[in-house]
Amino acid sequence: MTISSKVLRMGVAGAGRMGKIHIEHLLETRFVHVNGICTPVKTEQEWAAQTVPEAKVFSDYKDLVAQDNIDAVMLVTPTGLHKEQVFLALQHGKHVFCEKPLALSASDAWDIYYESLKYPHLKVCCGFPRRYAKQYIEAARRIRNGEIGKVITLRSGTSDLFQDNEFFINYIKGSGGIFVDCNIHDIDACLFLLGQDKLPVRAYATGTTHVFPQFAEFGDVDNGLGLVDFEGGLVMNLYSSRDNKHGHHTMAEVIGTKGRILLNGEPRILPLDISDENGTRYLGPLDHMDVFSPAFKAELVAFRDWILYDKPINFDLKDAAKAVSIGYALMESLGKKQAVPVTVY
């Protein structure tokens, strides 16, 4: 496949909440054309036709990947479809940008990874925007430079704004569980910060359903805690919440033999303190896009440059598969109420 005049011609599968965000970001990205959008949902088809009138709108993914004027596809589709859709894209000679998580099960995630190796001329990645957030890039650089010594423990947490609506509840039902869906960001961020191909060995998870007791019906929790042991004694500590009343908060901490690095210790959206008769307070983000919107845009630029100019990329498909292995093991542990081994294929 020859890239046309150094412009990346994209096809996007999925035009729901995240699909719309990605499409709008692609439209803002230089040297990227959105030539096709696929969604079976009528209202999303209408939105796509109005927003990107030059793009052809499809209801069948097979028609999207068959187009000759598309170099790469972005998958913003239900996670259970990722394996089939990645395979089909590769068979049609398309590069792939897949939204997280890579798959719902460890076996499917590793199937995607090993299938990608059969197509060395094509590039496949799973998008994790924290790898393009400035604070994470700077922290990773300092860790690799040995500034905090040997890494002993990685701690990461994601707390999302409380929502209580039908869309949210239905989304959780098919999400794969809090550790596969929500903490997958934290797991991948820890792997990125670590920068080493360490083997996860054992996982233990627990959680609560005090706010959303209905989550227990499908084996999930609204607040989760996870511990993961790696070879060599390294420990990963994870926290997640679906019911943060004061907004979104993402943090990470890396502890080494010579020091530590703390990222986003306070959930600030602006370096602004407000003081009055009630005391001093600061403004926190309501949504993860308040924090990571620049990183979402930066990852698309990096994907473009990876395809067009073969520039290095922060994404690591093996890490993406490993993250699913860890998240899947944590969900298994949550159900069994005991530590379980982490399976890496």
C-alpha atoms as a PDB file:
ATOM      1  CA  MET A   1       0.000   0.000   0.000  1.00  0.00           C
ATOM      2  CA  THR A   2       1.335   3.442  -0.923  1.00  0.00           C
ATOM      3  CA  ILE A   3       0.455   6.414   1.259  1.00  0.00           C
ATOM      4  CA  SER A   4      -1.108   9.076  -0.970  1.00  0.00           C
ATOM      5  CA  SER A   5       1.063  12.244  -1.162  1.00  0.00           C
ATOM      6  CA  LYS A   6       2.038  11.961   2.501  1.00  0.00           C
ATOM      7  CA  VAL A   7      -1.529  12.281   3.727  1.00  0.00           C
ATOM      8  CA  LEU A   8      -2.927   9.628   6.030  1.00  0.00           C
ATOM      9  CA  ARG A   9      -6.347   8.550   4.760  1.00  0.00           C
ATOM     10  CA  MET A  10      -8.406   7.296   7.692  1.00  0.00           C
ATOM     11  CA  GLY A  11     -11.516   5.228   8.120  1.00  0.00           C
ATOM     12  CA  VAL A  12     -13.249   5.274  11.500  1.00  0.00           C
ATOM     13  CA  ALA A  13     -15.410   2.466  12.838  1.00  0.00           C
ATOM     14  CA  GLY A  14     -17.729   3.754  15.533  1.00  0.00           C
ATOM     15  CA  ALA A  15     -19.326   7.180  15.961  1.00  0.00           C
ATOM     16  CA  GLY A  16     -20.631   7.003  19.494  1.00  0.00           C
ATOM     17  CA  ARG A  17     -19.399   9.157  22.372  1.00  0.00           C
ATOM     18  CA  MET A  18     -15.663   8.434  21.955  1.00  0.00           C
ATOM     19  CA  GLY A  19     -15.966   7.943  18.202  1.00  0.00           C
ATOM     20  CA  LYS A  20     -17.240  11.499  17.781  1.00  0.00           C
ATOM     21  CA  ILE A  21     -14.374  12.856  19.895  1.00  0.00           C
ATOM     22  CA  HIS A  22     -11.774  10.980  17.843  1.00  0.00           C
ATOM     23  CA  ILE A  23     -13.341  12.033  14.545  1.00  0.00           C
ATOM     24  CA  GLU A  24     -13.352  15.683  15.590  1.00  0.00           C
ATOM     25  CA  HIS A  25      -9.709  15.402  16.648  1.00  0.00           C
ATOM     26  CA  LEU A  26      -8.801  13.766  13.335  1.00  0.00           C
ATOM     27  CA  LEU A  27     -10.453  16.641  11.486  1.00  0.00           C
ATOM     28  CA  GLU A  28      -8.173  19.032  13.386  1.00  0.00           C
ATOM     29  CA  THR A  29      -5.030  17.019  12.565  1.00  0.00           C
ATOM     30  CA  ARG A  30      -2.961  18.200   9.592  1.00  0.00           C
ATOM     31  CA  PHE A  31      -2.184  15.732   6.800  1.00  0.00           C
ATOM     32  CA  VAL A  32      -5.032  13.451   7.858  1.00  0.00           C
ATOM     33  CA  HIS A  33      -8.204  12.924   5.803  1.00  0.00           C
ATOM     34  CA  VAL A  34     -11.240  11.077   7.116  1.00  0.00           C
ATOM     35  CA  ASN A  35     -12.500   9.234   4.038  1.00  0.00           C
ATOM     36  CA  GLY A  36     -14.894   6.779   5.646  1.00  0.00           C
ATOM     37  CA  ILE A  37     -17.002   6.340   8.773  1.00  0.00           C
ATOM     38  CA  CYS A  38     -18.842   3.176   9.749  1.00  0.00           C
ATOM     39  CA  THR A  39     -21.670   2.830  12.240  1.00  0.00           C
ATOM     40  CA  PRO A  40     -24.883   0.792  12.238  1.00  0.00           C
ATOM     41  CA  VAL A  41     -26.695   3.468  14.268  1.00  0.00           C
ATOM     42  CA  LYS A  42     -28.917   5.734  12.161  1.00  0.00           C
ATOM     43  CA  THR A  43     -28.489   8.877  14.281  1.00  0.00           C
ATOM     44  CA  GLU A  44     -24.701   8.423  14.228  1.00  0.00           C
ATOM     45  CA  GLN A  45     -24.775   7.993  10.447  1.00  0.00           C
ATOM     46  CA  GLU A  46     -26.638  11.296  10.168  1.00  0.00           C
ATOM     47  CA  TRP A  47     -24.123  13.008  12.462  1.00  0.00           C
ATOM     48  CA  ALA A  48     -21.214  11.600  10.405  1.00  0.00           C
ATOM     49  CA  ALA A  49     -22.716  12.781   7.116  1.00  0.00           C
ATOM     50  CA  GLN A  50     -23.258  16.285   8.491  1.00  0.00           C
ATOM     51  CA  THR A  51     -19.898  16.547  10.272  1.00  0.00           C
ATOM     52  CA  VAL A  52     -17.704  15.002   7.571  1.00  0.00           C
ATOM     53  CA  PRO A  53     -19.620  15.474   4.306  1.00  0.00           C
ATOM     54  CA  GLU A  54     -16.630  14.402   2.219  1.00  0.00           C
ATOM     55  CA  ALA A  55     -16.479  10.996   3.959  1.00  0.00           C
ATOM     56  CA  LYS A  56     -18.478   8.018   2.798  1.00  0.00           C
ATOM     57  CA  VAL A  57     -20.706   6.575   5.524  1.00  0.00           C
ATOM     58  CA  PHE A  58     -21.100   2.803   5.858  1.00  0.00           C
ATOM     59  CA  SER A  59     -23.265   0.582   8.006  1.00  0.00           C
ATOM     60  CA  ASP A  60     -21.088  -2.522   7.443  1.00  0.00           C
ATOM     61  CA  TYR A  61     -17.464  -2.613   8.639  1.00  0.00           C
ATOM     62  CA  LYS A  62     -16.524  -4.970   5.806  1.00  0.00           C
ATOM     63  CA  ASP A  63     -17.382  -2.232   3.313  1.00  0.00           C
ATOM     64  CA  LEU A  64     -15.233   0.297   5.191  1.00  0.00           C
ATOM     65  CA  VAL A  65     -12.040  -1.799   5.183  1.00  0.00           C
ATOM     66  CA  ALA A  66     -12.530  -2.715   1.512  1.00  0.00           C
ATOM     67  CA  GLN A  67     -12.089   0.914   0.387  1.00  0.00           C
ATOM     68  CA  ASP A  68      -8.947   1.647  -1.639  1.00  0.00           C
ATOM     69  CA  ASN A  69      -8.817   5.265  -0.462  1.00  0.00           C
ATOM     70  CA  ILE A  70      -8.291   4.271   3.193  1.00  0.00           C
ATOM     71  CA  ASP A  71      -4.794   3.588   4.557  1.00  0.00           C
ATOM     72  CA  ALA A  72      -5.633   3.006   8.217  1.00  0.00           C
ATOM     73  CA  VAL A  73      -8.683   2.303  10.350  1.00  0.00           C
ATOM     74  CA  MET A  74      -9.499   3.539  13.818  1.00  0.00           C
ATOM     75  CA  LEU A  75     -11.614   1.183  15.909  1.00  0.00           C
ATOM     76  CA  VAL A  76     -13.876   2.953  18.390  1.00  0.00           C
ATOM     77  CA  THR A  77     -16.230   0.006  18.653  1.00  0.00           C
ATOM     78  CA  PRO A  78     -17.398  -2.370  21.420  1.00  0.00           C
ATOM     79  CA  THR A  79     -14.337  -4.164  22.781  1.00  0.00           C
ATOM     80  CA  GLY A  80     -15.767  -7.580  21.999  1.00  0.00           C
ATOM     81  CA  LEU A  81     -15.525  -6.755  18.277  1.00  0.00           C
ATOM     82  CA  HIS A  82     -11.860  -5.690  18.287  1.00  0.00           C
ATOM     83  CA  LYS A  83     -10.284  -9.048  17.493  1.00  0.00           C
ATOM     84  CA  GLU A  84     -12.430  -9.723  14.435  1.00  0.00           C
ATOM     85  CA  GLN A  85     -12.100  -6.143  13.218  1.00  0.00           C
ATOM     86  CA  VAL A  86      -8.308  -5.977  13.631  1.00  0.00           C
ATOM     87  CA  PHE A  87      -7.910  -9.266  11.770  1.00  0.00           C
ATOM     88  CA  LEU A  88     -10.120  -8.070   8.911  1.00  0.00           C
ATOM     89  CA  ALA A  89      -8.293  -4.743   8.655  1.00  0.00           C
ATOM     90  CA  LEU A  90      -4.928  -6.498   8.396  1.00  0.00           C
ATOM     91  CA  GLN A  91      -6.283  -8.847   5.749  1.00  0.00           C
ATOM     92  CA  HIS A  92      -7.261  -5.765   3.719  1.00  0.00           C
ATOM     93  CA  GLY A  93      -3.841  -4.173   4.124  1.00  0.00           C
ATOM     94  CA  LYS A  94      -4.839  -1.456   6.602  1.00  0.00           C
ATOM     95  CA  HIS A  95      -2.894  -0.045   9.528  1.00  0.00           C
ATOM     96  CA  VAL A  96      -4.879  -0.082  12.788  1.00  0.00           C
ATOM     97  CA  PHE A  97      -5.439   2.293  15.690  1.00  0.00           C
ATOM     98  CA  CYS A  98      -7.561   0.442  18.268  1.00  0.00           C
ATOM     99  CA  GLU A  99      -9.244   2.084  21.225  1.00  0.00           C
ATOM    100  CA  LYS A 100      -8.560   0.587  24.634  1.00  0.00           C
ATOM    101  CA  PRO A 101      -8.850  -2.067  25.883  1.00  0.00           C
ATOM    102  CA  LEU A 102      -7.385  -4.271  23.196  1.00  0.00           C
ATOM    103  CA  ALA A 103      -9.830  -7.081  24.025  1.00  0.00           C
ATOM    104  CA  LEU A 104     -12.108  -8.356  26.783  1.00  0.00           C
ATOM    105  CA  SER A 105     -10.092 -11.527  27.381  1.00  0.00           C
ATOM    106  CA  ALA A 106      -6.376 -12.204  27.685  1.00  0.00           C
ATOM    107  CA  SER A 107      -6.475 -14.879  24.984  1.00  0.00           C
ATOM    108  CA  ASP A 108      -8.104 -12.524  22.463  1.00  0.00           C
ATOM    109  CA  ALA A 109      -5.630  -9.747  23.293  1.00  0.00           C
ATOM    110  CA  TRP A 110      -2.643 -11.993  22.684  1.00  0.00           C
ATOM    111  CA  ASP A 111      -4.265 -13.365  19.505  1.00  0.00           C
ATOM    112  CA  ILE A 112      -4.349  -9.775  18.199  1.00  0.00           C
ATOM    113  CA  TYR A 113      -0.718  -9.196  19.170  1.00  0.00           C
ATOM    114  CA  TYR A 114       0.559 -12.363  17.483  1.00  0.00           C
ATOM    115  CA  GLU A 115      -1.628 -11.824  14.414  1.00  0.00           C
ATOM    116  CA  SER A 116      -0.092  -8.364  13.975  1.00  0.00           C
ATOM    117  CA  LEU A 117       3.367  -9.928  13.805  1.00  0.00           C
ATOM    118  CA  LYS A 118       2.294 -11.767  10.641  1.00  0.00           C
ATOM    119  CA  TYR A 119       1.993  -8.398   8.871  1.00  0.00           C
ATOM    120  CA  PRO A 120       5.368  -6.671   9.395  1.00  0.00           C
ATOM    121  CA  HIS A 121       4.546  -4.086   6.721  1.00  0.00           C
ATOM    122  CA  LEU A 122       1.469  -2.948   8.660  1.00  0.00           C
ATOM    123  CA  LYS A 123       1.328  -1.125  11.988  1.00  0.00           C
ATOM    124  CA  VAL A 124      -1.089  -1.838  14.823  1.00  0.00           C
ATOM    125  CA  CYS A 125      -1.407   0.035  18.098  1.00  0.00           C
ATOM    126  CA  CYS A 126      -3.814   0.358  21.004  1.00  0.00           C
ATOM    127  CA  GLY A 127      -4.415   3.941  22.069  1.00  0.00           C
ATOM    128  CA  PHE A 128      -3.601   4.962  25.646  1.00  0.00           C
ATOM    129  CA  PRO A 129      -3.482   8.777  25.848  1.00  0.00           C
ATOM    130  CA  ARG A 130      -1.530   8.915  29.104  1.00  0.00           C
ATOM    131  CA  ARG A 131       1.512   7.834  27.088  1.00  0.00           C
ATOM    132  CA  TYR A 132       1.222  11.235  25.373  1.00  0.00           C
ATOM    133  CA  ALA A 133       0.439  13.344  28.459  1.00  0.00           C
ATOM    134  CA  LYS A 134       3.381  15.653  29.169  1.00  0.00           C
ATOM    135  CA  GLN A 135       3.663  14.748  32.847  1.00  0.00           C
ATOM    136  CA  TYR A 136       3.826  11.019  32.060  1.00  0.00           C
ATOM    137  CA  ILE A 137       6.419  11.541  29.327  1.00  0.00           C
ATOM    138  CA  GLU A 138       8.568  13.622  31.682  1.00  0.00           C
ATOM    139  CA  ALA A 139       8.204  11.120  34.525  1.00  0.00           C
ATOM    140  CA  ALA A 140       9.152   8.224  32.220  1.00  0.00           C
ATOM    141  CA  ARG A 141      12.236  10.134  31.033  1.00  0.00           C
ATOM    142  CA  ARG A 142      13.437  10.725  34.578  1.00  0.00           C
ATOM    143  CA  ILE A 143      12.774   7.119  35.601  1.00  0.00           C
ATOM    144  CA  ARG A 144      14.740   5.839  32.596  1.00  0.00           C
ATOM    145  CA  ASN A 145      17.565   8.213  33.536  1.00  0.00           C
ATOM    146  CA  GLY A 146      17.764   6.515  36.929  1.00  0.00           C
ATOM    147  CA  GLU A 147      16.820   9.585  38.973  1.00  0.00           C
ATOM    148  CA  ILE A 148      14.795   7.596  41.506  1.00  0.00           C
ATOM    149  CA  GLY A 149      16.932   4.462  41.331  1.00  0.00           C
ATOM    150  CA  LYS A 150      15.485   1.010  40.845  1.00  0.00           C
ATOM    151  CA  VAL A 151      11.681   1.010  40.676  1.00  0.00           C
ATOM    152  CA  ILE A 152      10.121  -0.860  43.596  1.00  0.00           C
ATOM    153  CA  THR A 153       6.422   0.020  43.480  1.00  0.00           C
ATOM    154  CA  LEU A 154       4.047   1.602  40.979  1.00  0.00           C
ATOM    155  CA  ARG A 155       0.738   3.034  42.172  1.00  0.00           C
ATOM    156  CA  SER A 156      -1.983   4.401  39.917  1.00  0.00           C
ATOM    157  CA  GLY A 157      -5.625   5.319  40.331  1.00  0.00           C
ATOM    158  CA  THR A 158      -8.544   6.558  38.271  1.00  0.00           C
ATOM    159  CA  SER A 159     -11.673   8.046  39.839  1.00  0.00           C
ATOM    160  CA  ASP A 160     -14.458   8.974  37.434  1.00  0.00           C
ATOM    161  CA  LEU A 161     -17.265  11.451  37.967  1.00  0.00           C
ATOM    162  CA  PHE A 162     -20.421   9.944  39.458  1.00  0.00           C
ATOM    163  CA  GLN A 163     -23.050   9.157  36.848  1.00  0.00           C
ATOM    164  CA  ASP A 164     -26.432   7.579  37.336  1.00  0.00           C
ATOM    165  CA  ASN A 165     -28.110   7.153  33.982  1.00  0.00           C
ATOM    166  CA  GLU A 166     -29.238   4.314  31.738  1.00  0.00           C
ATOM    167  CA  PHE A 167     -26.398   4.777  29.233  1.00  0.00           C
ATOM    168  CA  PHE A 168     -23.773   4.465  31.971  1.00  0.00           C
ATOM    169  CA  ILE A 169     -25.334   1.366  33.538  1.00  0.00           C
ATOM    170  CA  ASN A 170     -25.653  -0.374  30.157  1.00  0.00           C
ATOM    171  CA  TYR A 171     -22.067   0.554  29.316  1.00  0.00           C
ATOM    172  CA  ILE A 172     -20.785  -1.010  32.544  1.00  0.00           C
ATOM    173  CA  LYS A 173     -22.642  -4.251  31.800  1.00  0.00           C
ATOM    174  CA  GLY A 174     -20.581  -4.837  28.655  1.00  0.00           C
ATOM    175  CA  SER A 175     -17.341  -3.175  29.719  1.00  0.00           C
ATOM    176  CA  GLY A 176     -15.511  -6.298  30.868  1.00  0.00           C
ATOM    177  CA  GLY A 177     -15.309  -5.081  34.450  1.00  0.00           C
ATOM    178  CA  ILE A 178     -13.702  -2.180  36.269  1.00  0.00           C
ATOM    179  CA  PHE A 179     -10.154  -3.550  36.054  1.00  0.00           C
ATOM    180  CA  VAL A 180     -10.364  -4.301  32.320  1.00  0.00           C
ATOM    181  CA  ASP A 181     -12.190  -1.115  31.376  1.00  0.00           C
ATOM    182  CA  CYS A 182     -11.241   1.610  33.858  1.00  0.00           C
ATOM    183  CA  ASN A 183      -7.958   0.455  35.417  1.00  0.00           C
ATOM    184  CA  ILE A 184      -6.622  -0.637  32.022  1.00  0.00           C
ATOM    185  CA  HIS A 185      -5.410   2.979  31.688  1.00  0.00           C
ATOM    186  CA  ASP A 186      -3.576   2.714  35.004  1.00  0.00           C
ATOM    187  CA  ILE A 187      -2.063  -0.654  34.176  1.00  0.00           C
ATOM    188  CA  ASP A 188      -0.756   0.566  30.835  1.00  0.00           C
ATOM    189  CA  ALA A 189       0.496   3.821  32.376  1.00  0.00           C
ATOM    190  CA  CYS A 190       2.459   1.825  34.944  1.00  0.00           C
ATOM    191  CA  LEU A 191       3.957  -0.361  32.212  1.00  0.00           C
ATOM    192  CA  PHE A 192       4.917   2.780  30.269  1.00  0.00           C
ATOM    193  CA  LEU A 193       6.495   4.429  33.302  1.00  0.00           C
ATOM    194  CA  LEU A 194       8.364   1.242  34.169  1.00  0.00           C
ATOM    195  CA  GLY A 195       9.741   0.907  30.643  1.00  0.00           C
ATOM    196  CA  GLN A 196      10.777  -2.711  31.161  1.00  0.00           C
ATOM    197  CA  ASP A 197       9.338  -5.974  29.884  1.00  0.00           C
ATOM    198  CA  LYS A 198       8.634  -7.399  33.331  1.00  0.00           C
ATOM    199  CA  LEU A 199       6.460 -10.495  33.675  1.00  0.00           C
ATOM    200  CA  PRO A 200       3.346 -10.171  35.886  1.00  0.00           C
ATOM    201  CA  VAL A 201       3.021 -13.204  38.125  1.00  0.00           C
ATOM    202  CA  ARG A 202       0.058 -12.908  40.507  1.00  0.00           C
ATOM    203  CA  ALA A 203      -2.952 -10.647  41.009  1.00  0.00           C
ATOM    204  CA  TYR A 204      -5.368  -9.973  43.845  1.00  0.00           C
ATOM    205  CA  ALA A 205      -8.438  -7.726  43.736  1.00  0.00           C
ATOM    206  CA  THR A 206     -11.278  -6.639  45.956  1.00  0.00           C
ATOM    207  CA  GLY A 207     -13.966  -3.985  45.767  1.00  0.00           C
ATOM    208  CA  THR A 208     -17.282  -2.575  46.936  1.00  0.00           C
ATOM    209  CA  THR A 209     -20.764  -1.963  45.571  1.00  0.00           C
ATOM    210  CA  HIS A 210     -22.000   0.569  48.114  1.00  0.00           C
ATOM    211  CA  VAL A 211     -23.040   3.165  45.520  1.00  0.00           C
ATOM    212  CA  PHE A 212     -24.116   0.879  42.662  1.00  0.00           C
ATOM    213  CA  PRO A 213     -25.265  -2.410  44.275  1.00  0.00           C
ATOM    214  CA  GLN A 214     -26.618  -3.540  40.886  1.00  0.00           C
ATOM    215  CA  PHE A 215     -23.040  -3.888  39.624  1.00  0.00           C
ATOM    216  CA  ALA A 216     -22.770  -7.069  41.696  1.00  0.00           C
ATOM    217  CA  GLU A 217     -25.331  -8.693  39.393  1.00  0.00           C
ATOM    218  CA  PHE A 218     -22.764  -8.762  36.589  1.00  0.00           C
ATOM    219  CA  GLY A 219     -19.682  -9.423  38.727  1.00  0.00           C
ATOM    220  CA  ASP A 220     -18.429  -5.854  38.915  1.00  0.00           C
ATOM    221  CA  VAL A 221     -17.802  -3.210  41.586  1.00  0.00           C
ATOM    222  CA  ASP A 222     -18.054   0.562  41.805  1.00  0.00           C
ATOM    223  CA  ASN A 223     -14.756   0.917  43.689  1.00  0.00           C
ATOM    224  CA  GLY A 224     -11.884  -1.491  43.145  1.00  0.00           C
ATOM    225  CA  LEU A 225      -8.461  -2.191  44.626  1.00  0.00           C
ATOM    226  CA  GLY A 226      -5.858  -4.391  42.961  1.00  0.00           C
ATOM    227  CA  LEU A 227      -2.353  -5.672  43.691  1.00  0.00           C
ATOM    228  CA  VAL A 228      -0.114  -7.230  41.064  1.00  0.00           C
ATOM    229  CA  ASP A 229       3.191  -8.983  41.758  1.00  0.00           C
ATOM    230  CA  PHE A 230       5.850  -8.994  39.041  1.00  0.00           C
ATOM    231  CA  GLU A 231       8.965 -11.061  38.645  1.00  0.00           C
ATOM    232  CA  GLY A 232      11.845  -9.651  40.653  1.00  0.00           C
ATOM    233  CA  GLY A 233       9.641  -8.380  43.478  1.00  0.00           C
ATOM    234  CA  LEU A 234       8.082  -5.350  41.751  1.00  0.00           C
ATOM    235  CA  VAL A 235       4.543  -4.492  42.951  1.00  0.00           C
ATOM    236  CA  MET A 236       1.750  -2.600  41.143  1.00  0.00           C
ATOM    237  CA  ASN A 237      -1.003  -1.034  43.277  1.00  0.00           C
ATOM    238  CA  LEU A 238      -4.250   0.006  41.529  1.00  0.00           C
ATOM    239  CA  TYR A 239      -7.361   1.907  42.590  1.00  0.00           C
ATOM    240  CA  SER A 240     -10.499   2.788  40.639  1.00  0.00           C
ATOM    241  CA  SER A 241     -13.810   4.454  41.361  1.00  0.00           C
ATOM    242  CA  ARG A 242     -16.971   4.953  39.319  1.00  0.00           C
ATOM    243  CA  ASP A 243     -18.613   7.384  41.757  1.00  0.00           C
ATOM    244  CA  ASN A 244     -16.337  10.347  42.406  1.00  0.00           C
ATOM    245  CA  LYS A 245     -18.778  13.099  43.449  1.00  0.00           C
ATOM    246  CA  HIS A 246     -16.259  15.941  43.029  1.00  0.00           C
ATOM    247  CA  GLY A 247     -15.168  15.025  39.498  1.00  0.00           C
ATOM    248  CA  HIS A 248     -12.396  13.150  37.741  1.00  0.00           C
ATOM    249  CA  HIS A 249      -9.055  12.403  39.383  1.00  0.00           C
ATOM    250  CA  THR A 250      -6.194  10.461  37.833  1.00  0.00           C
ATOM    251  CA  MET A 251      -2.940  10.007  39.748  1.00  0.00           C
ATOM    252  CA  ALA A 252       0.193   7.892  39.705  1.00  0.00           C
ATOM    253  CA  GLU A 253       3.188   7.384  41.940  1.00  0.00           C
ATOM    254  CA  VAL A 254       6.440   5.575  41.247  1.00  0.00           C
ATOM    255  CA  ILE A 255       8.655   4.693  44.196  1.00  0.00           C
ATOM    256  CA  GLY A 256      12.289   3.802  43.680  1.00  0.00           C
ATOM    257  CA  THR A 257      15.334   3.023  45.793  1.00  0.00           C
ATOM    258  CA  LYS A 258      16.488   6.673  45.577  1.00  0.00           C
ATOM    259  CA  GLY A 259      13.218   8.612  45.557  1.00  0.00           C
ATOM    260  CA  ARG A 260       9.730   8.872  44.152  1.00  0.00           C
ATOM    261  CA  ILE A 261       7.755  10.647  41.432  1.00  0.00           C
ATOM    262  CA  LEU A 262       4.145  11.717  42.030  1.00  0.00           C
ATOM    263  CA  LEU A 263       1.893  12.600  39.084  1.00  0.00           C
ATOM    264  CA  ASN A 264      -1.339  14.578  39.450  1.00  0.00           C
ATOM    265  CA  GLY A 265      -1.298  14.374  43.228  1.00  0.00           C
ATOM    266  CA  GLU A 266      -4.052  16.999  43.400  1.00  0.00           C
ATOM    267  CA  PRO A 267      -6.916  16.923  40.882  1.00  0.00           C
ATOM    268  CA  ARG A 268      -6.335  20.422  39.509  1.00  0.00           C
ATOM    269  CA  ILE A 269      -7.714  21.585  36.176  1.00  0.00           C
ATOM    270  CA  LEU A 270      -5.947  24.965  36.501  1.00  0.00           C
ATOM    271  CA  PRO A 271      -3.078  26.216  38.708  1.00  0.00           C
ATOM    272  CA  LEU A 272      -5.603  28.461  40.438  1.00  0.00           C
ATOM    273  CA  ASP A 273      -6.442  28.829  44.146  1.00  0.00           C
ATOM    274  CA  ILE A 274      -9.640  30.607  45.230  1.00  0.00           C
ATOM    275  CA  SER A 275      -9.818  32.009  48.760  1.00  0.00           C
ATOM    276  CA  ASP A 276     -12.830  33.529  50.475  1.00  0.00           C
ATOM    277  CA  GLU A 277     -14.685  33.356  53.794  1.00  0.00           C
ATOM    278  CA  ASN A 278     -15.145  29.625  53.246  1.00  0.00           C
ATOM    279  CA  GLY A 279     -11.422  28.960  52.980  1.00  0.00           C
ATOM    280  CA  THR A 280      -9.171  28.115  50.047  1.00  0.00           C
ATOM    281  CA  ARG A 281     -10.122  25.762  47.258  1.00  0.00           C
ATOM    282  CA  TYR A 282      -8.968  24.871  43.762  1.00  0.00           C
ATOM    283  CA  LEU A 283     -10.784  23.850  40.600  1.00  0.00           C
ATOM    284  CA  GLY A 284     -10.819  20.160  39.754  1.00  0.00           C
ATOM    285  CA  PRO A 285     -11.689  18.474  36.438  1.00  0.00           C
ATOM    286  CA  LEU A 286     -15.149  17.011  35.975  1.00  0.00           C
ATOM    287  CA  ASP A 287     -14.220  14.697  33.104  1.00  0.00           C
ATOM    288  CA  HIS A 288     -11.075  12.888  31.959  1.00  0.00           C
ATOM    289  CA  MET A 289     -11.114  14.962  28.771  1.00  0.00           C
ATOM    290  CA  ASP A 290     -10.556  18.053  30.935  1.00  0.00           C
ATOM    291  CA  VAL A 291      -7.184  16.532  31.809  1.00  0.00           C
ATOM    292  CA  PHE A 292      -6.209  14.476  28.795  1.00  0.00           C
ATOM    293  CA  SER A 293      -7.708  16.230  25.747  1.00  0.00           C
ATOM    294  CA  PRO A 294      -4.238  17.430  24.601  1.00  0.00           C
ATOM    295  CA  ALA A 295      -2.920  13.885  24.981  1.00  0.00           C
ATOM    296  CA  PHE A 296      -5.790  12.465  22.899  1.00  0.00           C
ATOM    297  CA  LYS A 297      -4.839  14.876  20.134  1.00  0.00           C
ATOM    298  CA  ALA A 298      -1.110  14.202  20.503  1.00  0.00           C
ATOM    299  CA  GLU A 299      -1.562  10.444  20.162  1.00  0.00           C
ATOM    300  CA  LEU A 300      -3.248  10.933  16.765  1.00  0.00           C
ATOM    301  CA  VAL A 301      -0.383  13.109  15.548  1.00  0.00           C
ATOM    302  CA  ALA A 302       2.041  10.413  16.712  1.00  0.00           C
ATOM    303  CA  PHE A 303       0.045   7.721  14.908  1.00  0.00           C
ATOM    304  CA  ARG A 304       0.087   9.810  11.715  1.00  0.00           C
ATOM    305  CA  ASP A 305       3.841  10.323  11.921  1.00  0.00           C
ATOM    306  CA  TRP A 306       4.385   6.633  12.696  1.00  0.00           C
ATOM    307  CA  ILE A 307       2.576   5.668   9.510  1.00  0.00           C
ATOM    308  CA  LEU A 308       3.773   8.455   7.209  1.00  0.00           C
ATOM    309  CA  TYR A 309       7.362   8.930   8.403  1.00  0.00           C
ATOM    310  CA  ASP A 310       8.120   5.816  10.474  1.00  0.00           C
ATOM    311  CA  LYS A 311       8.776   7.941  13.562  1.00  0.00           C
ATOM    312  CA  PRO A 312       8.939   6.066  16.897  1.00  0.00           C
ATOM    313  CA  ILE A 313       5.739   5.786  18.898  1.00  0.00           C
ATOM    314  CA  ASN A 314       5.085   5.515  22.645  1.00  0.00           C
ATOM    315  CA  PHE A 315       2.437   2.826  22.204  1.00  0.00           C
ATOM    316  CA  ASP A 316       3.412  -0.806  22.706  1.00  0.00           C
ATOM    317  CA  LEU A 317       1.019  -3.511  21.487  1.00  0.00           C
ATOM    318  CA  LYS A 318       2.685  -6.133  23.672  1.00  0.00           C
ATOM    319  CA  ASP A 319       2.078  -3.928  26.714  1.00  0.00           C
ATOM    320  CA  ALA A 320      -1.548  -3.508  25.597  1.00  0.00           C
ATOM    321  CA  ALA A 321      -1.972  -7.303  25.558  1.00  0.00           C
ATOM    322  CA  LYS A 322      -0.160  -7.606  28.886  1.00  0.00           C
ATOM    323  CA  ALA A 323      -2.477  -4.969  30.363  1.00  0.00           C
ATOM    324  CA  VAL A 324      -5.514  -7.064  29.398  1.00  0.00           C
ATOM    325  CA  SER A 325      -3.875 -10.136  30.963  1.00  0.00           C
ATOM    326  CA  ILE A 326      -3.468  -8.210  34.215  1.00  0.00           C
ATOM    327  CA  GLY A 327      -6.956  -6.675  34.128  1.00  0.00           C
ATOM    328  CA  TYR A 328      -8.525 -10.032  33.282  1.00  0.00           C
ATOM    329  CA  ALA A 329      -6.665 -11.715  36.167  1.00  0.00           C
ATOM    330  CA  LEU A 330      -7.835  -9.000  38.556  1.00  0.00           C
ATOM    331  CA  MET A 331     -11.461  -9.557  37.515  1.00  0.00           C
ATOM    332  CA  GLU A 332     -10.959 -13.310  38.012  1.00  0.00           C
ATOM    333  CA  SER A 333      -9.522 -12.657  41.466  1.00  0.00           C
ATOM    334  CA  LEU A 334     -12.442 -10.371  42.300  1.00  0.00           C
ATOM    335  CA  GLY A 335     -14.881 -13.169  41.500  1.00  0.00           C
ATOM    336  CA  LYS A 336     -12.939 -15.895  43.303  1.00  0.00           C
ATOM    337  CA  LYS A 337     -11.994 -13.680  46.275  1.00  0.00           C
ATOM    338  CA  GLN A 338      -8.432 -14.964  46.176  1.00  0.00           C
ATOM    339  CA  ALA A 339      -5.135 -14.298  44.450  1.00  0.00           C
ATOM    340  CA  VAL A 340      -4.784 -15.827  40.970  1.00  0.00           C
ATOM    341  CA  PRO A 341      -1.890 -16.264  38.538  1.00  0.00           C
ATOM    342  CA  VAL A 342      -1.586 -13.826  35.623  1.00  0.00           C
ATOM    343  CA  THR A 343      -1.563 -15.628  32.276  1.00  0.00           C
ATOM    344  CA  VAL A 344       0.724 -14.164  29.614  1.00  0.00           C
ATOM    345  CA  TYR A 345       0.595 -16.095  26.360  1.00  0.00           C
END
